[in-house]
Every structure is written in structure tokens, then in C-alpha cells.
Amino acid sequence: PFKNYNDHGFGLFLITLKDSGQPIGTCGLITRAMIENVDLGYSLLLPYQGNGYLHEAAVAVLDYADQQLAFEQVVAYTSHQNVASIRALTKLNFESFGEFSLPGYEQSSKYFIKKFS
């Protein structure tokens, strides 16, 4: 994560509970050598999934990508079986853009794209 910040000025942010500061996940922008577009990456501990925490964090990250970094688009990848992630990306106004095979992974992933106006 620090290399991404040093090289590109962005990376993953820690998601914490507002009241206690307890870490519950990460959300941010990732670059990968084999992919030309910046990728929205996230992970949330199981007990905190489905409560809106990821959506709140992702909205802030996407606003940062659009308003501060002036990106034209951000992409996201998830497995076909990850229904919660597909639902989250759809709620964030990502559009399904087919399938993509990430190098080093046996199964293809669902590919999503969010374009900023």
C-alpha cells in the first residue's frame, strides 16, 4: 500500500468505526502492473458487511478519484460468486462490462467500470 502512495499519490484507506476507531476494513484505489486502469479495491470484516460501511467509504474514495485526482474512470473486479460485491458495485453506479482474466488467477472475474462526467 505505501508503494502505491509513494508512486501514485493514492492507495488504500483504513475503514474504522466512527465512535471507537476500531478498524473494520480497507477501501481505496489500486494500480496493478497488468491493468491500465485504476481499480477500486475494498475488503470488510464479515461482521460489518451489509451495514453501509463499504458504501460510505467507497463513495468518498470515488469522489476523491473524480474531484481531486481528475480520473476519467475507475474499474473494479470481483468473482462471479461474490453477490454482495456485485450488489455493492451496482449500487455505486458501476456498469458491468463483461469478464476479465487477471494474470495468475484461474477463473475469470466480472469486470465493472465507473465513468466520471
N, C-alpha and C. Protein backbone atom coordinates (compact mmCIF):
# COMPACT_ATOMS: atom_id res chain seq x y z
N PRO A 1 0.80 -1.22 0.00
CA PRO A 1 0.00 0.00 0.00
C PRO A 1 0.84 1.28 0.00
N PHE A 2 1.95 1.29 0.74
CA PHE A 2 2.77 2.50 0.80
C PHE A 2 3.42 2.80 -0.53
N LYS A 3 3.78 1.77 -1.28
CA LYS A 3 4.38 1.97 -2.60
C LYS A 3 3.39 2.69 -3.51
N ASN A 4 2.13 2.31 -3.45
CA ASN A 4 1.11 2.98 -4.26
C ASN A 4 1.04 4.47 -3.91
N TYR A 5 1.06 4.79 -2.61
CA TYR A 5 1.03 6.20 -2.19
C TYR A 5 2.27 6.94 -2.69
N ASN A 6 3.43 6.33 -2.52
CA ASN A 6 4.68 6.97 -2.95
C ASN A 6 4.74 7.15 -4.46
N ASP A 7 4.32 6.15 -5.20
CA ASP A 7 4.43 6.20 -6.67
C ASP A 7 3.31 6.99 -7.33
N HIS A 8 2.10 6.95 -6.75
CA HIS A 8 0.93 7.50 -7.45
C HIS A 8 0.14 8.54 -6.65
N GLY A 9 0.40 8.64 -5.35
CA GLY A 9 -0.32 9.60 -4.53
C GLY A 9 -1.67 9.12 -4.03
N PHE A 10 -1.94 7.83 -4.18
CA PHE A 10 -3.19 7.26 -3.68
C PHE A 10 -2.96 5.80 -3.35
N GLY A 11 -3.92 5.21 -2.65
CA GLY A 11 -3.81 3.80 -2.26
C GLY A 11 -5.04 3.40 -1.46
N LEU A 12 -4.84 2.49 -0.53
CA LEU A 12 -5.94 2.00 0.31
C LEU A 12 -6.05 2.83 1.58
N PHE A 13 -7.28 3.08 2.00
CA PHE A 13 -7.56 3.77 3.25
C PHE A 13 -8.13 2.76 4.24
N LEU A 14 -7.89 2.99 5.50
CA LEU A 14 -8.44 2.15 6.56
C LEU A 14 -9.87 2.60 6.84
N ILE A 15 -10.80 1.66 6.91
CA ILE A 15 -12.17 1.95 7.31
C ILE A 15 -12.26 1.67 8.80
N THR A 16 -12.70 2.66 9.57
CA THR A 16 -12.84 2.49 11.01
C THR A 16 -14.24 2.90 11.46
N LEU A 17 -14.65 2.38 12.60
CA LEU A 17 -15.91 2.80 13.19
C LEU A 17 -15.73 4.21 13.75
N LYS A 18 -16.68 5.09 13.51
CA LYS A 18 -16.56 6.49 13.94
C LYS A 18 -16.47 6.61 15.46
N ASP A 19 -17.26 5.86 16.19
CA ASP A 19 -17.31 6.00 17.64
C ASP A 19 -16.06 5.50 18.34
N SER A 20 -15.56 4.34 17.93
CA SER A 20 -14.45 3.70 18.64
C SER A 20 -13.12 3.76 17.91
N GLY A 21 -13.15 4.03 16.61
CA GLY A 21 -11.91 4.00 15.83
C GLY A 21 -11.46 2.59 15.48
N GLN A 22 -12.29 1.59 15.80
CA GLN A 22 -11.93 0.20 15.53
C GLN A 22 -11.83 -0.04 14.03
N PRO A 23 -10.70 -0.61 13.57
CA PRO A 23 -10.56 -0.92 12.14
C PRO A 23 -11.51 -2.05 11.74
N ILE A 24 -12.19 -1.86 10.60
CA ILE A 24 -13.11 -2.90 10.13
C ILE A 24 -12.87 -3.28 8.67
N GLY A 25 -11.97 -2.57 7.99
CA GLY A 25 -11.71 -2.91 6.59
C GLY A 25 -10.85 -1.88 5.90
N THR A 26 -10.75 -2.01 4.59
CA THR A 26 -9.99 -1.07 3.76
C THR A 26 -10.78 -0.77 2.49
N CYS A 27 -10.51 0.39 1.92
CA CYS A 27 -11.13 0.78 0.66
C CYS A 27 -10.23 1.83 0.02
N GLY A 28 -9.99 1.69 -1.27
CA GLY A 28 -9.15 2.69 -1.92
C GLY A 28 -8.90 2.37 -3.37
N LEU A 29 -7.91 3.04 -3.91
CA LEU A 29 -7.55 2.92 -5.32
C LEU A 29 -6.25 2.17 -5.45
N ILE A 30 -6.22 1.25 -6.40
CA ILE A 30 -5.08 0.36 -6.58
C ILE A 30 -4.61 0.43 -8.04
N THR A 31 -3.31 0.37 -8.22
CA THR A 31 -2.77 0.18 -9.57
C THR A 31 -2.16 -1.21 -9.63
N ARG A 32 -2.30 -1.83 -10.76
CA ARG A 32 -1.72 -3.16 -10.98
C ARG A 32 -0.94 -3.11 -12.28
N ALA A 33 0.22 -3.70 -12.28
CA ALA A 33 1.11 -3.64 -13.45
C ALA A 33 0.44 -4.18 -14.70
N MET A 34 -0.42 -5.18 -14.56
CA MET A 34 -1.01 -5.82 -15.73
C MET A 34 -2.32 -5.20 -16.18
N ILE A 35 -2.77 -4.13 -15.51
CA ILE A 35 -4.04 -3.48 -15.83
C ILE A 35 -3.78 -1.98 -16.00
N GLU A 36 -4.29 -1.40 -17.08
CA GLU A 36 -4.01 0.01 -17.33
C GLU A 36 -4.87 0.97 -16.51
N ASN A 37 -6.04 0.55 -16.08
CA ASN A 37 -6.94 1.44 -15.32
C ASN A 37 -6.75 1.29 -13.82
N VAL A 38 -7.08 2.36 -13.10
CA VAL A 38 -7.05 2.32 -11.64
C VAL A 38 -8.27 1.53 -11.17
N ASP A 39 -8.05 0.73 -10.15
CA ASP A 39 -9.01 -0.26 -9.66
C ASP A 39 -9.51 0.15 -8.27
N LEU A 40 -10.82 0.10 -8.05
CA LEU A 40 -11.37 0.28 -6.71
C LEU A 40 -11.21 -1.05 -5.98
N GLY A 41 -10.48 -1.02 -4.88
CA GLY A 41 -10.28 -2.22 -4.08
C GLY A 41 -10.87 -2.03 -2.70
N TYR A 42 -11.40 -3.10 -2.13
CA TYR A 42 -12.00 -3.00 -0.80
C TYR A 42 -12.07 -4.36 -0.15
N SER A 43 -12.14 -4.31 1.17
CA SER A 43 -12.29 -5.51 1.98
C SER A 43 -12.91 -5.09 3.30
N LEU A 44 -13.87 -5.85 3.77
CA LEU A 44 -14.57 -5.51 5.00
C LEU A 44 -14.72 -6.77 5.83
N LEU A 45 -14.43 -6.67 7.13
CA LEU A 45 -14.60 -7.82 8.01
C LEU A 45 -16.06 -8.27 7.99
N LEU A 46 -16.25 -9.57 8.02
CA LEU A 46 -17.58 -10.17 7.87
C LEU A 46 -18.65 -9.60 8.81
N PRO A 47 -18.37 -9.38 10.09
CA PRO A 47 -19.44 -8.86 10.97
C PRO A 47 -19.95 -7.47 10.58
N TYR A 48 -19.20 -6.75 9.76
CA TYR A 48 -19.57 -5.38 9.41
C TYR A 48 -20.13 -5.25 8.00
N GLN A 49 -20.21 -6.36 7.30
CA GLN A 49 -20.76 -6.33 5.94
C GLN A 49 -22.27 -6.16 5.98
N GLY A 50 -22.80 -5.45 5.00
CA GLY A 50 -24.24 -5.26 4.90
C GLY A 50 -24.80 -4.14 5.75
N ASN A 51 -23.92 -3.30 6.31
CA ASN A 51 -24.36 -2.21 7.18
C ASN A 51 -24.11 -0.83 6.58
N GLY A 52 -23.68 -0.76 5.33
CA GLY A 52 -23.46 0.52 4.68
C GLY A 52 -22.07 1.10 4.84
N TYR A 53 -21.20 0.44 5.60
CA TYR A 53 -19.85 0.97 5.82
C TYR A 53 -19.05 1.02 4.52
N LEU A 54 -19.11 -0.05 3.75
CA LEU A 54 -18.37 -0.09 2.49
C LEU A 54 -18.90 0.97 1.53
N HIS A 55 -20.20 1.11 1.44
CA HIS A 55 -20.78 2.10 0.53
C HIS A 55 -20.30 3.50 0.90
N GLU A 56 -20.35 3.83 2.17
CA GLU A 56 -19.91 5.16 2.63
C GLU A 56 -18.45 5.40 2.28
N ALA A 57 -17.60 4.42 2.53
CA ALA A 57 -16.17 4.56 2.23
C ALA A 57 -15.94 4.66 0.73
N ALA A 58 -16.60 3.82 -0.04
CA ALA A 58 -16.40 3.81 -1.50
C ALA A 58 -16.88 5.10 -2.14
N VAL A 59 -17.98 5.66 -1.66
CA VAL A 59 -18.45 6.95 -2.19
C VAL A 59 -17.39 8.01 -1.98
N ALA A 60 -16.77 8.05 -0.80
CA ALA A 60 -15.72 9.03 -0.51
C ALA A 60 -14.51 8.81 -1.41
N VAL A 61 -14.10 7.56 -1.60
CA VAL A 61 -12.95 7.25 -2.46
C VAL A 61 -13.24 7.62 -3.91
N LEU A 62 -14.42 7.31 -4.39
CA LEU A 62 -14.77 7.63 -5.77
C LEU A 62 -14.88 9.14 -5.99
N ASP A 63 -15.39 9.85 -5.00
CA ASP A 63 -15.44 11.32 -5.08
C ASP A 63 -14.02 11.88 -5.15
N TYR A 64 -13.12 11.33 -4.36
CA TYR A 64 -11.71 11.73 -4.38
C TYR A 64 -11.10 11.46 -5.76
N ALA A 65 -11.38 10.29 -6.32
CA ALA A 65 -10.85 9.94 -7.64
C ALA A 65 -11.35 10.90 -8.71
N ASP A 66 -12.60 11.29 -8.61
CA ASP A 66 -13.22 12.18 -9.59
C ASP A 66 -12.79 13.64 -9.37
N GLN A 67 -12.99 14.15 -8.16
CA GLN A 67 -12.80 15.58 -7.90
C GLN A 67 -11.35 15.99 -7.67
N GLN A 68 -10.58 15.18 -6.96
CA GLN A 68 -9.21 15.56 -6.62
C GLN A 68 -8.18 15.02 -7.61
N LEU A 69 -8.36 13.79 -8.03
CA LEU A 69 -7.38 13.17 -8.94
C LEU A 69 -7.76 13.34 -10.40
N ALA A 70 -8.99 13.77 -10.66
CA ALA A 70 -9.50 14.03 -12.02
C ALA A 70 -9.40 12.80 -12.93
N PHE A 71 -9.68 11.63 -12.37
CA PHE A 71 -9.71 10.42 -13.18
C PHE A 71 -10.95 10.44 -14.07
N GLU A 72 -10.82 9.87 -15.24
CA GLU A 72 -11.97 9.74 -16.14
C GLU A 72 -12.83 8.54 -15.78
N GLN A 73 -12.19 7.52 -15.20
CA GLN A 73 -12.92 6.30 -14.85
C GLN A 73 -12.14 5.51 -13.82
N VAL A 74 -12.85 4.61 -13.16
CA VAL A 74 -12.28 3.65 -12.23
C VAL A 74 -12.92 2.31 -12.56
N VAL A 75 -12.17 1.24 -12.45
CA VAL A 75 -12.71 -0.09 -12.72
C VAL A 75 -12.74 -0.90 -11.42
N ALA A 76 -13.42 -2.03 -11.47
CA ALA A 76 -13.48 -2.95 -10.34
C ALA A 76 -13.65 -4.36 -10.87
N TYR A 77 -13.16 -5.31 -10.11
CA TYR A 77 -13.24 -6.73 -10.47
C TYR A 77 -13.76 -7.50 -9.27
N THR A 78 -14.56 -8.51 -9.53
CA THR A 78 -15.00 -9.39 -8.46
C THR A 78 -15.35 -10.75 -9.05
N SER A 79 -15.36 -11.75 -8.22
CA SER A 79 -15.70 -13.08 -8.71
C SER A 79 -17.19 -13.15 -9.03
N HIS A 80 -17.54 -14.07 -9.89
CA HIS A 80 -18.94 -14.26 -10.27
C HIS A 80 -19.80 -14.68 -9.08
N GLN A 81 -19.21 -15.33 -8.10
CA GLN A 81 -19.94 -15.84 -6.95
C GLN A 81 -20.13 -14.78 -5.85
N ASN A 82 -19.42 -13.67 -5.93
CA ASN A 82 -19.48 -12.67 -4.86
C ASN A 82 -20.66 -11.72 -5.09
N VAL A 83 -21.84 -12.22 -4.74
CA VAL A 83 -23.08 -11.49 -4.97
C VAL A 83 -23.09 -10.17 -4.21
N ALA A 84 -22.58 -10.15 -2.99
CA ALA A 84 -22.56 -8.92 -2.19
C ALA A 84 -21.71 -7.84 -2.86
N SER A 85 -20.58 -8.22 -3.40
CA SER A 85 -19.71 -7.27 -4.07
C SER A 85 -20.34 -6.76 -5.37
N ILE A 86 -20.97 -7.64 -6.11
CA ILE A 86 -21.66 -7.24 -7.34
C ILE A 86 -22.77 -6.24 -7.00
N ARG A 87 -23.50 -6.52 -5.94
CA ARG A 87 -24.57 -5.61 -5.49
C ARG A 87 -23.99 -4.26 -5.07
N ALA A 88 -22.88 -4.28 -4.34
CA ALA A 88 -22.24 -3.03 -3.89
C ALA A 88 -21.78 -2.19 -5.07
N LEU A 89 -21.16 -2.82 -6.06
CA LEU A 89 -20.68 -2.08 -7.23
C LEU A 89 -21.84 -1.51 -8.04
N THR A 90 -22.91 -2.26 -8.15
CA THR A 90 -24.10 -1.77 -8.86
C THR A 90 -24.69 -0.57 -8.14
N LYS A 91 -24.76 -0.63 -6.82
CA LYS A 91 -25.28 0.48 -6.03
C LYS A 91 -24.40 1.72 -6.15
N LEU A 92 -23.11 1.53 -6.43
CA LEU A 92 -22.17 2.64 -6.62
C LEU A 92 -22.17 3.15 -8.07
N ASN A 93 -23.11 2.65 -8.86
CA ASN A 93 -23.28 3.05 -10.27
C ASN A 93 -22.14 2.60 -11.18
N PHE A 94 -21.53 1.48 -10.84
CA PHE A 94 -20.60 0.84 -11.77
C PHE A 94 -21.44 0.07 -12.78
N GLU A 95 -20.97 0.00 -14.00
CA GLU A 95 -21.65 -0.77 -15.04
C GLU A 95 -20.88 -2.05 -15.30
N SER A 96 -21.60 -3.15 -15.41
CA SER A 96 -20.98 -4.42 -15.76
C SER A 96 -20.43 -4.31 -17.18
N PHE A 97 -19.19 -4.74 -17.35
CA PHE A 97 -18.51 -4.57 -18.63
C PHE A 97 -17.96 -5.89 -19.14
N GLY A 98 -18.53 -7.00 -18.68
CA GLY A 98 -18.11 -8.31 -19.16
C GLY A 98 -17.19 -9.02 -18.18
N GLU A 99 -16.29 -9.80 -18.75
CA GLU A 99 -15.38 -10.61 -17.94
C GLU A 99 -13.94 -10.23 -18.23
N PHE A 100 -13.09 -10.53 -17.26
CA PHE A 100 -11.67 -10.24 -17.41
C PHE A 100 -10.90 -11.32 -16.68
N SER A 101 -9.85 -11.80 -17.30
CA SER A 101 -9.00 -12.80 -16.66
C SER A 101 -7.75 -12.10 -16.14
N LEU A 102 -7.64 -12.06 -14.82
CA LEU A 102 -6.46 -11.47 -14.19
C LEU A 102 -5.31 -12.46 -14.28
N PRO A 103 -4.14 -12.01 -14.68
CA PRO A 103 -2.99 -12.90 -14.73
C PRO A 103 -2.73 -13.54 -13.37
N GLY A 104 -2.52 -14.83 -13.36
CA GLY A 104 -2.26 -15.56 -12.13
C GLY A 104 -3.50 -16.13 -11.47
N TYR A 105 -4.68 -15.83 -12.00
CA TYR A 105 -5.93 -16.35 -11.45
C TYR A 105 -6.52 -17.33 -12.45
N GLU A 106 -7.01 -18.46 -11.94
CA GLU A 106 -7.57 -19.49 -12.81
C GLU A 106 -8.92 -19.08 -13.39
N GLN A 107 -9.77 -18.48 -12.57
CA GLN A 107 -11.12 -18.14 -13.02
C GLN A 107 -11.19 -16.68 -13.45
N SER A 108 -12.06 -16.42 -14.40
CA SER A 108 -12.26 -15.03 -14.83
C SER A 108 -13.06 -14.28 -13.76
N SER A 109 -12.95 -12.97 -13.80
CA SER A 109 -13.67 -12.11 -12.87
C SER A 109 -14.69 -11.28 -13.64
N LYS A 110 -15.73 -10.84 -12.94
CA LYS A 110 -16.65 -9.87 -13.53
C LYS A 110 -15.93 -8.52 -13.52
N TYR A 111 -16.06 -7.81 -14.61
CA TYR A 111 -15.37 -6.54 -14.81
C TYR A 111 -16.41 -5.43 -14.79
N PHE A 112 -16.18 -4.40 -13.98
CA PHE A 112 -17.09 -3.27 -13.86
C PHE A 112 -16.33 -1.98 -14.14
N ILE A 113 -17.03 -0.98 -14.62
CA ILE A 113 -16.42 0.31 -14.91
C ILE A 113 -17.34 1.43 -14.44
N LYS A 114 -16.75 2.46 -13.87
CA LYS A 114 -17.49 3.67 -13.49
C LYS A 114 -16.81 4.84 -14.18
N LYS A 115 -17.57 5.52 -15.03
CA LYS A 115 -17.05 6.69 -15.74
C LYS A 115 -17.54 7.94 -15.05
N PHE A 116 -16.64 8.91 -14.93
CA PHE A 116 -17.00 10.20 -14.33
C PHE A 116 -17.30 11.18 -15.45
N SER A 117 -18.24 12.08 -15.20
CA SER A 117 -18.60 13.04 -16.25
C SER A 117 -17.83 14.34 -16.09
